[in-house]
Amino acid sequence: MDKFIIYGGNRLKGQVRVSGSKNAALPVLCSAILSDGVCTFTNVPELDDIETICRVLGHLGITCSRPEKNTVVLDPTRISSHEAPYDLVKKMRASILVLGPLLARYGKAKVSLPGGCAIGVRPIDMHLNSLRKMGAEIDDLYKGILHCRVTRFQGTEILLDYPSVGATENTMLAACLAQGETVIRNAAKEPEIVDLQNFLQQMGVEIDGAGTGVIHITGRDEIRADVTYSVIPDRIVAGTYMACVAATGGVRDEPHRSLPVHLRHPGPPRDTAGVGPVVRHHRSLDVPLLRLRRERQRSDGPLRHRPGGLPAGGLRSGNRDQLFRLSRRLYAVVYDKQV
């Protein structure tokens, strides 16, 4: 698909259910490698990346089934391979998340360097450095294939160069079966990190601190638990819907109990039923960063919007500077951060 052609002029209204978070589902699915019990995951989005990680896990010998929509059942009790081949890993960067749990449980792994990232090249140095500090021997001289082994991970203190989500997740997974306590400092704080902690706790791992920047994990000798877990909703999808509703002067309810946790203030009023925030038009949003003013075109043309602080004339196709500044404002609202 080369482009979207959108003809506006209508207020958005109604109700929509936010799908499960892909970025939360991927590490949670990989963490099933640690367990000797059947793991059932619900609210898993139907996406290509989910299919790819299921194929990677299937190659390892994990039985993967889908008894119903948005549900994935993983049985890791018969893992027969410790290699994640290039033809699968190249499709998605998150495939590197099998490295930590494979080494933690089996002491060996052969994983191709990951690919498939639309953002661009992002090295995995922090992943490897953390695993090495915990005792892993990693040889990456074989044409992009990581040959890794460890007798048993040893708990230690890990200081990440920056709060990388992937490096935090891989270190968390490796530490679950390590000897002693592992402390991850400068850890990522995203909701997906908290969701991974919640699942690991449900499996019986002693872990706390996710969301604070310092995570403590006490390793176990083994994990044997049949677990059923529901993946959190996707905050990026929810934020996109909210922005669209605000821009068009519409009204929409978000029917999901978990959304208020992940879509923090800056302003949308919450409903009284406690099932999610109600997003109304921009006058009731009262968010300075998103003072979106409608700018009507002719009735048969696309609707343009002018966010406060940007040049008059709305968002024109191809104007990257305007789009970039607006995306930063949306980021500030959805992620509750200053930009």
C-alpha atoms as a PDB file:
ATOM      1  CA  MET A   1       0.000   0.000   0.000  1.00  0.00           C
ATOM      2  CA  ASP A   2       1.504   3.310  -1.112  1.00  0.00           C
ATOM      3  CA  LYS A   3      -0.836   5.809   0.527  1.00  0.00           C
ATOM      4  CA  PHE A   4      -4.044   6.407   2.427  1.00  0.00           C
ATOM      5  CA  ILE A   5      -6.649   8.732   0.942  1.00  0.00           C
ATOM      6  CA  ILE A   6      -8.960   9.990   3.685  1.00  0.00           C
ATOM      7  CA  TYR A   7     -12.074  12.033   3.018  1.00  0.00           C
ATOM      8  CA  GLY A   8     -13.182  13.631   6.262  1.00  0.00           C
ATOM      9  CA  GLY A   9     -15.892  16.037   7.313  1.00  0.00           C
ATOM     10  CA  ASN A  10     -17.587  13.620   9.732  1.00  0.00           C
ATOM     11  CA  ARG A  11     -17.415  13.451  13.503  1.00  0.00           C
ATOM     12  CA  LEU A  12     -16.135  10.145  14.824  1.00  0.00           C
ATOM     13  CA  LYS A  13     -18.414   8.523  17.372  1.00  0.00           C
ATOM     14  CA  GLY A  14     -19.207   5.103  18.698  1.00  0.00           C
ATOM     15  CA  GLN A  15     -17.315   2.447  20.588  1.00  0.00           C
ATOM     16  CA  VAL A  16     -14.187   0.490  19.740  1.00  0.00           C
ATOM     17  CA  ARG A  17     -12.249  -2.201  21.592  1.00  0.00           C
ATOM     18  CA  VAL A  18      -8.504  -1.696  21.709  1.00  0.00           C
ATOM     19  CA  SER A  19      -6.554  -4.778  20.657  1.00  0.00           C
ATOM     20  CA  GLY A  20      -3.829  -6.403  22.722  1.00  0.00           C
ATOM     21  CA  SER A  21      -0.368  -4.882  22.675  1.00  0.00           C
ATOM     22  CA  LYS A  22       2.032  -6.501  20.232  1.00  0.00           C
ATOM     23  CA  ASN A  23       5.047  -5.097  22.065  1.00  0.00           C
ATOM     24  CA  ALA A  24       3.797  -6.637  25.311  1.00  0.00           C
ATOM     25  CA  ALA A  25       2.797  -9.958  23.748  1.00  0.00           C
ATOM     26  CA  LEU A  26       6.164 -10.707  22.113  1.00  0.00           C
ATOM     27  CA  PRO A  27       8.336 -10.870  25.291  1.00  0.00           C
ATOM     28  CA  VAL A  28       5.560 -12.598  27.228  1.00  0.00           C
ATOM     29  CA  LEU A  29       5.327 -15.314  24.558  1.00  0.00           C
ATOM     30  CA  CYS A  30       9.119 -15.748  24.605  1.00  0.00           C
ATOM     31  CA  SER A  31       9.101 -16.094  28.379  1.00  0.00           C
ATOM     32  CA  ALA A  32       7.191 -19.371  28.005  1.00  0.00           C
ATOM     33  CA  ILE A  33      10.580 -20.948  27.172  1.00  0.00           C
ATOM     34  CA  LEU A  34      11.462 -20.646  30.871  1.00  0.00           C
ATOM     35  CA  SER A  35       8.561 -22.769  32.037  1.00  0.00           C
ATOM     36  CA  ASP A  36       7.924 -26.493  32.185  1.00  0.00           C
ATOM     37  CA  GLY A  37       4.188 -25.881  32.156  1.00  0.00           C
ATOM     38  CA  VAL A  38       1.561 -24.958  29.564  1.00  0.00           C
ATOM     39  CA  CYS A  39       1.056 -21.204  29.083  1.00  0.00           C
ATOM     40  CA  THR A  40      -2.221 -19.805  27.749  1.00  0.00           C
ATOM     41  CA  PHE A  41      -2.270 -16.210  26.533  1.00  0.00           C
ATOM     42  CA  THR A  42      -5.432 -14.243  25.772  1.00  0.00           C
ATOM     43  CA  ASN A  43      -5.955 -10.828  24.146  1.00  0.00           C
ATOM     44  CA  VAL A  44      -3.073 -11.567  21.754  1.00  0.00           C
ATOM     45  CA  PRO A  45      -3.346  -9.413  18.587  1.00  0.00           C
ATOM     46  CA  GLU A  46      -3.660 -11.108  15.207  1.00  0.00           C
ATOM     47  CA  LEU A  47      -0.511  -9.694  13.566  1.00  0.00           C
ATOM     48  CA  ASP A  48       2.312 -10.942  11.350  1.00  0.00           C
ATOM     49  CA  ASP A  49       4.883 -10.376  14.112  1.00  0.00           C
ATOM     50  CA  ILE A  50       2.920 -12.657  16.439  1.00  0.00           C
ATOM     51  CA  GLU A  51       2.825 -15.319  13.729  1.00  0.00           C
ATOM     52  CA  THR A  52       6.582 -14.938  13.226  1.00  0.00           C
ATOM     53  CA  ILE A  53       7.440 -15.386  16.907  1.00  0.00           C
ATOM     54  CA  CYS A  54       5.134 -18.413  17.075  1.00  0.00           C
ATOM     55  CA  ARG A  55       7.043 -19.919  14.156  1.00  0.00           C
ATOM     56  CA  VAL A  56      10.354 -19.229  15.923  1.00  0.00           C
ATOM     57  CA  LEU A  57       9.055 -20.911  19.074  1.00  0.00           C
ATOM     58  CA  GLY A  58       7.665 -23.779  17.014  1.00  0.00           C
ATOM     59  CA  HIS A  59      11.099 -24.319  15.462  1.00  0.00           C
ATOM     60  CA  LEU A  60      12.489 -24.749  18.978  1.00  0.00           C
ATOM     61  CA  GLY A  61       9.994 -27.532  19.589  1.00  0.00           C
ATOM     62  CA  ILE A  62       7.327 -25.590  21.479  1.00  0.00           C
ATOM     63  CA  THR A  63       3.816 -26.667  20.560  1.00  0.00           C
ATOM     64  CA  CYS A  64       1.794 -23.617  19.558  1.00  0.00           C
ATOM     65  CA  SER A  65      -1.981 -23.753  19.121  1.00  0.00           C
ATOM     66  CA  ARG A  66      -4.764 -21.207  18.683  1.00  0.00           C
ATOM     67  CA  PRO A  67      -7.992 -22.620  20.133  1.00  0.00           C
ATOM     68  CA  GLU A  68      -9.831 -19.373  19.466  1.00  0.00           C
ATOM     69  CA  LYS A  69      -9.264 -15.872  18.159  1.00  0.00           C
ATOM     70  CA  ASN A  70      -6.723 -13.778  20.098  1.00  0.00           C
ATOM     71  CA  THR A  71      -5.666 -16.801  22.164  1.00  0.00           C
ATOM     72  CA  VAL A  72      -2.303 -18.573  21.954  1.00  0.00           C
ATOM     73  CA  VAL A  73      -1.454 -21.740  23.890  1.00  0.00           C
ATOM     74  CA  LEU A  74       2.234 -22.683  24.219  1.00  0.00           C
ATOM     75  CA  ASP A  75       3.507 -26.031  25.506  1.00  0.00           C
ATOM     76  CA  PRO A  76       7.288 -25.750  26.068  1.00  0.00           C
ATOM     77  CA  THR A  77       7.700 -29.147  27.731  1.00  0.00           C
ATOM     78  CA  ARG A  78       9.249 -30.755  24.639  1.00  0.00           C
ATOM     79  CA  ILE A  79      11.805 -28.216  23.430  1.00  0.00           C
ATOM     80  CA  SER A  80      14.142 -30.099  21.095  1.00  0.00           C
ATOM     81  CA  SER A  81      16.219 -27.349  19.472  1.00  0.00           C
ATOM     82  CA  HIS A  82      18.232 -24.430  20.784  1.00  0.00           C
ATOM     83  CA  GLU A  83      18.702 -22.656  17.452  1.00  0.00           C
ATOM     84  CA  ALA A  84      16.681 -19.776  16.040  1.00  0.00           C
ATOM     85  CA  PRO A  85      17.508 -19.774  12.302  1.00  0.00           C
ATOM     86  CA  TYR A  86      18.183 -16.716  10.195  1.00  0.00           C
ATOM     87  CA  ASP A  87      15.249 -17.179   7.815  1.00  0.00           C
ATOM     88  CA  LEU A  88      12.879 -16.634  10.760  1.00  0.00           C
ATOM     89  CA  VAL A  89      14.843 -14.224  12.954  1.00  0.00           C
ATOM     90  CA  LYS A  90      15.597 -11.891  10.035  1.00  0.00           C
ATOM     91  CA  LYS A  91      11.910 -11.022   9.772  1.00  0.00           C
ATOM     92  CA  MET A  92      11.624  -9.442  13.190  1.00  0.00           C
ATOM     93  CA  ARG A  93      14.035  -7.815  15.623  1.00  0.00           C
ATOM     94  CA  ALA A  94      12.121  -9.036  18.698  1.00  0.00           C
ATOM     95  CA  SER A  95      13.172 -12.605  17.879  1.00  0.00           C
ATOM     96  CA  ILE A  96      16.381 -11.913  19.842  1.00  0.00           C
ATOM     97  CA  LEU A  97      14.231 -12.215  22.977  1.00  0.00           C
ATOM     98  CA  VAL A  98      14.503 -16.017  22.771  1.00  0.00           C
ATOM     99  CA  LEU A  99      18.228 -15.758  23.578  1.00  0.00           C
ATOM    100  CA  GLY A 100      17.973 -14.937  27.288  1.00  0.00           C
ATOM    101  CA  PRO A 101      15.412 -17.619  28.222  1.00  0.00           C
ATOM    102  CA  LEU A 102      17.076 -20.303  26.067  1.00  0.00           C
ATOM    103  CA  LEU A 103      20.417 -19.761  27.771  1.00  0.00           C
ATOM    104  CA  ALA A 104      18.792 -19.545  31.199  1.00  0.00           C
ATOM    105  CA  ARG A 105      16.991 -22.884  30.872  1.00  0.00           C
ATOM    106  CA  TYR A 106      19.278 -24.959  28.651  1.00  0.00           C
ATOM    107  CA  GLY A 107      22.697 -23.312  28.927  1.00  0.00           C
ATOM    108  CA  LYS A 108      23.176 -23.044  25.188  1.00  0.00           C
ATOM    109  CA  ALA A 109      21.696 -21.202  22.224  1.00  0.00           C
ATOM    110  CA  LYS A 110      22.467 -20.437  18.615  1.00  0.00           C
ATOM    111  CA  VAL A 111      20.619 -17.358  17.424  1.00  0.00           C
ATOM    112  CA  SER A 112      21.049 -15.334  14.237  1.00  0.00           C
ATOM    113  CA  LEU A 113      21.448 -11.603  14.515  1.00  0.00           C
ATOM    114  CA  PRO A 114      17.965 -10.063  14.254  1.00  0.00           C
ATOM    115  CA  GLY A 115      16.460  -7.977  11.483  1.00  0.00           C
ATOM    116  CA  GLY A 116      13.043  -6.744  10.456  1.00  0.00           C
ATOM    117  CA  CYS A 117      13.098  -3.343  12.170  1.00  0.00           C
ATOM    118  CA  ALA A 118      11.371  -0.530  10.288  1.00  0.00           C
ATOM    119  CA  ILE A 119      13.072   2.064  12.515  1.00  0.00           C
ATOM    120  CA  GLY A 120      16.484   1.131  11.157  1.00  0.00           C
ATOM    121  CA  VAL A 121      19.650  -0.477  12.460  1.00  0.00           C
ATOM    122  CA  ARG A 122      19.617  -0.854  16.248  1.00  0.00           C
ATOM    123  CA  PRO A 123      22.548  -2.811  17.704  1.00  0.00           C
ATOM    124  CA  ILE A 124      21.976  -5.467  20.375  1.00  0.00           C
ATOM    125  CA  ASP A 125      25.206  -4.724  22.235  1.00  0.00           C
ATOM    126  CA  MET A 126      23.411  -4.099  25.521  1.00  0.00           C
ATOM    127  CA  HIS A 127      21.613  -7.439  25.285  1.00  0.00           C
ATOM    128  CA  LEU A 128      24.916  -9.268  24.834  1.00  0.00           C
ATOM    129  CA  ASN A 129      26.839  -7.229  27.402  1.00  0.00           C
ATOM    130  CA  SER A 130      24.219  -7.921  30.067  1.00  0.00           C
ATOM    131  CA  LEU A 131      24.232 -11.659  29.359  1.00  0.00           C
ATOM    132  CA  ARG A 132      28.036 -11.709  29.368  1.00  0.00           C
ATOM    133  CA  LYS A 133      28.120  -9.948  32.734  1.00  0.00           C
ATOM    134  CA  MET A 134      25.852 -12.682  34.082  1.00  0.00           C
ATOM    135  CA  GLY A 135      28.331 -15.322  32.907  1.00  0.00           C
ATOM    136  CA  ALA A 136      27.455 -16.137  29.304  1.00  0.00           C
ATOM    137  CA  GLU A 137      30.119 -16.862  26.712  1.00  0.00           C
ATOM    138  CA  ILE A 138      29.021 -15.427  23.383  1.00  0.00           C
ATOM    139  CA  ASP A 139      30.903 -15.896  20.137  1.00  0.00           C
ATOM    140  CA  ASP A 140      29.551 -13.687  17.375  1.00  0.00           C
ATOM    141  CA  LEU A 141      32.233 -14.310  14.741  1.00  0.00           C
ATOM    142  CA  TYR A 142      30.270 -16.870  12.728  1.00  0.00           C
ATOM    143  CA  LYS A 143      28.778 -14.778   9.936  1.00  0.00           C
ATOM    144  CA  GLY A 144      26.057 -13.161  12.002  1.00  0.00           C
ATOM    145  CA  ILE A 145      25.200 -16.201  14.130  1.00  0.00           C
ATOM    146  CA  LEU A 146      25.563 -15.937  17.905  1.00  0.00           C
ATOM    147  CA  HIS A 147      26.962 -19.099  19.509  1.00  0.00           C
ATOM    148  CA  CYS A 148      26.182 -18.824  23.223  1.00  0.00           C
ATOM    149  CA  ARG A 149      26.663 -21.000  26.283  1.00  0.00           C
ATOM    150  CA  VAL A 150      26.583 -20.697  30.041  1.00  0.00           C
ATOM    151  CA  THR A 151      26.764 -23.157  32.932  1.00  0.00           C
ATOM    152  CA  ARG A 152      24.267 -21.087  34.898  1.00  0.00           C
ATOM    153  CA  PHE A 153      23.614 -17.383  34.965  1.00  0.00           C
ATOM    154  CA  GLN A 154      24.890 -15.663  38.081  1.00  0.00           C
ATOM    155  CA  GLY A 155      22.918 -12.856  39.639  1.00  0.00           C
ATOM    156  CA  THR A 156      24.709  -9.530  39.476  1.00  0.00           C
ATOM    157  CA  GLU A 157      24.110  -5.814  39.039  1.00  0.00           C
ATOM    158  CA  ILE A 158      23.473  -4.640  35.481  1.00  0.00           C
ATOM    159  CA  LEU A 159      23.707  -0.964  34.538  1.00  0.00           C
ATOM    160  CA  LEU A 160      22.255  -0.337  31.084  1.00  0.00           C
ATOM    161  CA  ASP A 161      23.810   2.414  28.988  1.00  0.00           C
ATOM    162  CA  TYR A 162      20.317   3.705  28.293  1.00  0.00           C
ATOM    163  CA  PRO A 163      16.852   2.337  29.152  1.00  0.00           C
ATOM    164  CA  SER A 164      16.487  -0.043  26.228  1.00  0.00           C
ATOM    165  CA  VAL A 165      13.196  -1.947  26.290  1.00  0.00           C
ATOM    166  CA  GLY A 166      14.582  -5.024  24.524  1.00  0.00           C
ATOM    167  CA  ALA A 167      17.741  -5.215  26.643  1.00  0.00           C
ATOM    168  CA  THR A 168      15.683  -4.825  29.823  1.00  0.00           C
ATOM    169  CA  GLU A 169      13.347  -7.639  28.750  1.00  0.00           C
ATOM    170  CA  ASN A 170      16.142 -10.019  27.739  1.00  0.00           C
ATOM    171  CA  THR A 171      17.987  -9.422  31.015  1.00  0.00           C
ATOM    172  CA  MET A 172      14.792  -9.945  33.016  1.00  0.00           C
ATOM    173  CA  LEU A 173      14.154 -13.268  31.283  1.00  0.00           C
ATOM    174  CA  ALA A 174      17.737 -14.451  31.752  1.00  0.00           C
ATOM    175  CA  ALA A 175      17.685 -13.549  35.456  1.00  0.00           C
ATOM    176  CA  CYS A 176      14.597 -15.655  36.197  1.00  0.00           C
ATOM    177  CA  LEU A 177      16.690 -18.862  36.411  1.00  0.00           C
ATOM    178  CA  ALA A 178      19.943 -17.247  37.568  1.00  0.00           C
ATOM    179  CA  GLN A 179      21.635 -18.090  40.849  1.00  0.00           C
ATOM    180  CA  GLY A 180      21.080 -15.262  43.299  1.00  0.00           C
ATOM    181  CA  GLU A 181      19.679 -11.789  42.798  1.00  0.00           C
ATOM    182  CA  THR A 182      19.993  -9.671  39.670  1.00  0.00           C
ATOM    183  CA  VAL A 183      19.515  -5.904  39.809  1.00  0.00           C
ATOM    184  CA  ILE A 184      18.875  -4.011  36.575  1.00  0.00           C
ATOM    185  CA  ARG A 185      19.551  -0.276  36.836  1.00  0.00           C
ATOM    186  CA  ASN A 186      18.509   2.342  34.294  1.00  0.00           C
ATOM    187  CA  ALA A 187      15.895  -0.163  33.156  1.00  0.00           C
ATOM    188  CA  ALA A 188      13.163   0.782  30.704  1.00  0.00           C
ATOM    189  CA  LYS A 189       9.912   1.895  32.391  1.00  0.00           C
ATOM    190  CA  GLU A 190       7.361   1.232  29.651  1.00  0.00           C
ATOM    191  CA  PRO A 191       4.047  -0.502  30.484  1.00  0.00           C
ATOM    192  CA  GLU A 192       5.234  -3.514  28.484  1.00  0.00           C
ATOM    193  CA  ILE A 193       8.010  -4.004  31.063  1.00  0.00           C
ATOM    194  CA  VAL A 194       5.425  -3.949  33.854  1.00  0.00           C
ATOM    195  CA  ASP A 195       3.281  -6.446  31.948  1.00  0.00           C
ATOM    196  CA  LEU A 196       6.229  -8.810  31.573  1.00  0.00           C
ATOM    197  CA  GLN A 197       6.900  -8.544  35.309  1.00  0.00           C
ATOM    198  CA  ASN A 198       3.247  -9.337  36.039  1.00  0.00           C
ATOM    199  CA  PHE A 199       3.412 -12.489  33.953  1.00  0.00           C
ATOM    200  CA  LEU A 200       6.711 -13.617  35.499  1.00  0.00           C
ATOM    201  CA  GLN A 201       5.248 -13.079  38.961  1.00  0.00           C
ATOM    202  CA  GLN A 202       2.284 -15.231  37.977  1.00  0.00           C
ATOM    203  CA  MET A 203       4.762 -17.963  37.013  1.00  0.00           C
ATOM    204  CA  GLY A 204       6.258 -17.745  40.495  1.00  0.00           C
ATOM    205  CA  VAL A 205       9.320 -15.574  39.840  1.00  0.00           C
ATOM    206  CA  GLU A 206      10.305 -13.181  42.630  1.00  0.00           C
ATOM    207  CA  ILE A 207      10.582  -9.881  40.783  1.00  0.00           C
ATOM    208  CA  ASP A 208       9.681  -6.270  41.519  1.00  0.00           C
ATOM    209  CA  GLY A 209      10.491  -2.704  40.497  1.00  0.00           C
ATOM    210  CA  ALA A 210       9.253  -2.705  36.905  1.00  0.00           C
ATOM    211  CA  GLY A 211       8.249   0.815  35.950  1.00  0.00           C
ATOM    212  CA  THR A 212      10.678   2.465  38.403  1.00  0.00           C
ATOM    213  CA  GLY A 213      13.981   2.142  36.558  1.00  0.00           C
ATOM    214  CA  VAL A 214      15.468  -0.380  39.040  1.00  0.00           C
ATOM    215  CA  ILE A 215      14.313  -4.002  38.801  1.00  0.00           C
ATOM    216  CA  HIS A 216      15.185  -6.752  41.305  1.00  0.00           C
ATOM    217  CA  ILE A 217      14.915 -10.422  40.278  1.00  0.00           C
ATOM    218  CA  THR A 218      15.697 -13.422  42.478  1.00  0.00           C
ATOM    219  CA  GLY A 219      16.338 -16.454  40.320  1.00  0.00           C
ATOM    220  CA  ARG A 220      14.683 -19.837  40.736  1.00  0.00           C
ATOM    221  CA  ASP A 221      16.034 -23.327  40.156  1.00  0.00           C
ATOM    222  CA  GLU A 222      13.099 -24.147  37.884  1.00  0.00           C
ATOM    223  CA  ILE A 223       9.693 -22.879  36.856  1.00  0.00           C
ATOM    224  CA  ARG A 224       6.819 -25.341  36.745  1.00  0.00           C
ATOM    225  CA  ALA A 225       3.463 -23.665  36.363  1.00  0.00           C
ATOM    226  CA  ASP A 226       0.443 -23.825  34.082  1.00  0.00           C
ATOM    227  CA  VAL A 227      -0.447 -20.170  33.609  1.00  0.00           C
ATOM    228  CA  THR A 228      -3.246 -18.273  31.896  1.00  0.00           C
ATOM    229  CA  TYR A 229      -2.514 -14.611  31.230  1.00  0.00           C
ATOM    230  CA  SER A 230      -4.205 -11.720  29.417  1.00  0.00           C
ATOM    231  CA  VAL A 231      -1.962  -9.321  27.484  1.00  0.00           C
ATOM    232  CA  ILE A 232      -2.474  -5.593  28.137  1.00  0.00           C
ATOM    233  CA  PRO A 233      -4.196  -3.437  25.482  1.00  0.00           C
ATOM    234  CA  ASP A 234      -2.122  -1.466  23.001  1.00  0.00           C
ATOM    235  CA  ARG A 235      -1.565   2.109  24.219  1.00  0.00           C
ATOM    236  CA  ILE A 236      -0.370   3.266  20.791  1.00  0.00           C
ATOM    237  CA  VAL A 237      -3.576   2.086  19.145  1.00  0.00           C
ATOM    238  CA  ALA A 238      -5.636   3.699  21.908  1.00  0.00           C
ATOM    239  CA  GLY A 239      -3.728   6.981  21.607  1.00  0.00           C
ATOM    240  CA  THR A 240      -4.262   7.007  17.841  1.00  0.00           C
ATOM    241  CA  TYR A 241      -8.019   6.608  18.282  1.00  0.00           C
ATOM    242  CA  MET A 242      -8.051   9.343  20.913  1.00  0.00           C
ATOM    243  CA  ALA A 243      -6.211  11.775  18.656  1.00  0.00           C
ATOM    244  CA  CYS A 244      -8.577  11.060  15.756  1.00  0.00           C
ATOM    245  CA  VAL A 245     -11.637  11.632  17.930  1.00  0.00           C
ATOM    246  CA  ALA A 246     -10.218  14.846  19.364  1.00  0.00           C
ATOM    247  CA  ALA A 247      -9.339  16.153  15.912  1.00  0.00           C
ATOM    248  CA  THR A 248     -12.777  15.515  14.406  1.00  0.00           C
ATOM    249  CA  GLY A 249     -14.860  16.768  17.334  1.00  0.00           C
ATOM    250  CA  GLY A 250     -16.329  13.341  17.989  1.00  0.00           C
ATOM    251  CA  VAL A 251     -17.123  11.168  20.970  1.00  0.00           C
ATOM    252  CA  ARG A 252     -15.947   7.626  21.591  1.00  0.00           C
ATOM    253  CA  ASP A 253     -15.825   5.272  24.575  1.00  0.00           C
ATOM    254  CA  GLU A 254     -12.869   2.995  25.240  1.00  0.00           C
ATOM    255  CA  PRO A 255     -14.362  -0.204  26.706  1.00  0.00           C
ATOM    256  CA  HIS A 256     -11.362  -1.743  28.394  1.00  0.00           C
ATOM    257  CA  ARG A 257     -10.633  -1.945  32.110  1.00  0.00           C
ATOM    258  CA  SER A 258      -6.832  -1.668  31.679  1.00  0.00           C
ATOM    259  CA  LEU A 259      -6.723   1.540  29.675  1.00  0.00           C
ATOM    260  CA  PRO A 260      -6.781   4.023  32.577  1.00  0.00           C
ATOM    261  CA  VAL A 261      -3.535   2.491  33.853  1.00  0.00           C
ATOM    262  CA  HIS A 262      -1.683   3.035  30.605  1.00  0.00           C
ATOM    263  CA  LEU A 263      -3.256   6.243  29.334  1.00  0.00           C
ATOM    264  CA  ARG A 264      -2.461   8.608  32.165  1.00  0.00           C
ATOM    265  CA  HIS A 265      -3.651  12.184  32.559  1.00  0.00           C
ATOM    266  CA  PRO A 266      -3.299  14.909  30.723  1.00  0.00           C
ATOM    267  CA  GLY A 267      -6.990  15.387  30.616  1.00  0.00           C
ATOM    268  CA  PRO A 268      -9.538  13.014  29.081  1.00  0.00           C
ATOM    269  CA  PRO A 269     -12.449  12.535  31.516  1.00  0.00           C
ATOM    270  CA  ARG A 270     -12.954   9.015  32.843  1.00  0.00           C
ATOM    271  CA  ASP A 271     -16.275   7.241  32.692  1.00  0.00           C
ATOM    272  CA  THR A 272     -18.043   6.287  35.908  1.00  0.00           C
ATOM    273  CA  ALA A 273     -18.206   2.580  35.114  1.00  0.00           C
ATOM    274  CA  GLY A 274     -14.441   2.228  35.398  1.00  0.00           C
ATOM    275  CA  VAL A 275     -14.037   0.461  32.068  1.00  0.00           C
ATOM    276  CA  GLY A 276     -11.958   3.119  30.376  1.00  0.00           C
ATOM    277  CA  PRO A 277     -11.607   6.791  29.547  1.00  0.00           C
ATOM    278  CA  VAL A 278     -14.279   8.530  27.514  1.00  0.00           C
ATOM    279  CA  VAL A 279     -12.721  10.653  24.779  1.00  0.00           C
ATOM    280  CA  ARG A 280     -14.760  13.672  23.792  1.00  0.00           C
ATOM    281  CA  HIS A 281     -14.182  16.545  21.407  1.00  0.00           C
ATOM    282  CA  HIS A 282     -11.316  18.964  21.849  1.00  0.00           C
ATOM    283  CA  ARG A 283     -13.209  21.483  23.980  1.00  0.00           C
ATOM    284  CA  SER A 284     -13.579  18.993  26.815  1.00  0.00           C
ATOM    285  CA  LEU A 285     -10.074  17.552  26.343  1.00  0.00           C
ATOM    286  CA  ASP A 286      -8.552  20.892  27.347  1.00  0.00           C
ATOM    287  CA  VAL A 287      -5.041  19.732  26.480  1.00  0.00           C
ATOM    288  CA  PRO A 288      -2.752  22.663  25.587  1.00  0.00           C
ATOM    289  CA  LEU A 289      -0.538  20.430  23.465  1.00  0.00           C
ATOM    290  CA  LEU A 290      -3.479  19.383  21.304  1.00  0.00           C
ATOM    291  CA  ARG A 291      -5.525  22.480  20.644  1.00  0.00           C
ATOM    292  CA  LEU A 292      -6.772  21.087  17.412  1.00  0.00           C
ATOM    293  CA  ARG A 293      -8.944  23.439  15.409  1.00  0.00           C
ATOM    294  CA  ARG A 294     -11.056  22.101  12.625  1.00  0.00           C
ATOM    295  CA  GLU A 295     -10.530  23.726   9.274  1.00  0.00           C
ATOM    296  CA  ARG A 296     -13.315  22.777   6.896  1.00  0.00           C
ATOM    297  CA  GLN A 297     -12.608  22.307   3.223  1.00  0.00           C
ATOM    298  CA  ARG A 298     -15.226  21.916   0.559  1.00  0.00           C
ATOM    299  CA  SER A 299     -17.645  19.116   1.421  1.00  0.00           C
ATOM    300  CA  ASP A 300     -16.167  16.653  -1.086  1.00  0.00           C
ATOM    301  CA  GLY A 301     -12.536  17.199  -0.066  1.00  0.00           C
ATOM    302  CA  PRO A 302     -10.407  15.867   2.771  1.00  0.00           C
ATOM    303  CA  LEU A 303     -10.655  17.515   6.176  1.00  0.00           C
ATOM    304  CA  ARG A 304      -7.506  19.250   7.378  1.00  0.00           C
ATOM    305  CA  HIS A 305      -6.691  20.105  10.969  1.00  0.00           C
ATOM    306  CA  ARG A 306      -4.530  22.844  12.437  1.00  0.00           C
ATOM    307  CA  PRO A 307      -2.891  21.979  15.793  1.00  0.00           C
ATOM    308  CA  GLY A 308      -2.071  24.875  18.071  1.00  0.00           C
ATOM    309  CA  GLY A 309       1.439  26.198  17.610  1.00  0.00           C
ATOM    310  CA  LEU A 310       1.844  25.040  14.007  1.00  0.00           C
ATOM    311  CA  PRO A 311       1.634  27.322  10.974  1.00  0.00           C
ATOM    312  CA  ALA A 312      -1.818  28.126   9.659  1.00  0.00           C
ATOM    313  CA  GLY A 313      -3.103  26.058   6.779  1.00  0.00           C
ATOM    314  CA  GLY A 314      -3.324  22.666   8.407  1.00  0.00           C
ATOM    315  CA  LEU A 315      -1.275  19.556   7.784  1.00  0.00           C
ATOM    316  CA  ARG A 316      -0.362  19.438   4.132  1.00  0.00           C
ATOM    317  CA  SER A 317       0.733  16.251   2.486  1.00  0.00           C
ATOM    318  CA  GLY A 318       4.505  16.064   2.351  1.00  0.00           C
ATOM    319  CA  ASN A 319       5.158  18.722   4.987  1.00  0.00           C
ATOM    320  CA  ARG A 320       7.418  16.605   7.183  1.00  0.00           C
ATOM    321  CA  ASP A 321       8.292  19.343   9.649  1.00  0.00           C
ATOM    322  CA  GLN A 322       4.656  19.914  10.573  1.00  0.00           C
ATOM    323  CA  LEU A 323       3.942  16.206  10.873  1.00  0.00           C
ATOM    324  CA  PHE A 324       7.030  15.687  12.990  1.00  0.00           C
ATOM    325  CA  ARG A 325       6.088  18.438  15.425  1.00  0.00           C
ATOM    326  CA  LEU A 326       2.543  17.132  15.725  1.00  0.00           C
ATOM    327  CA  SER A 327       3.781  13.583  16.337  1.00  0.00           C
ATOM    328  CA  ARG A 328       5.959  14.880  19.187  1.00  0.00           C
ATOM    329  CA  ARG A 329       2.921  16.523  20.760  1.00  0.00           C
ATOM    330  CA  LEU A 330       0.909  13.313  20.438  1.00  0.00           C
ATOM    331  CA  TYR A 331       3.819  11.407  21.971  1.00  0.00           C
ATOM    332  CA  ALA A 332       3.807  13.769  24.947  1.00  0.00           C
ATOM    333  CA  VAL A 333       0.113  13.156  25.569  1.00  0.00           C
ATOM    334  CA  VAL A 334       0.034   9.375  25.106  1.00  0.00           C
ATOM    335  CA  TYR A 335       3.290   8.643  26.913  1.00  0.00           C
ATOM    336  CA  ASP A 336       2.965  11.379  29.543  1.00  0.00           C
ATOM    337  CA  LYS A 337       6.407  12.760  28.738  1.00  0.00           C
ATOM    338  CA  GLN A 338       7.788  16.202  27.987  1.00  0.00           C
ATOM    339  CA  VAL A 339       9.255  16.779  24.516  1.00  0.00           C
END
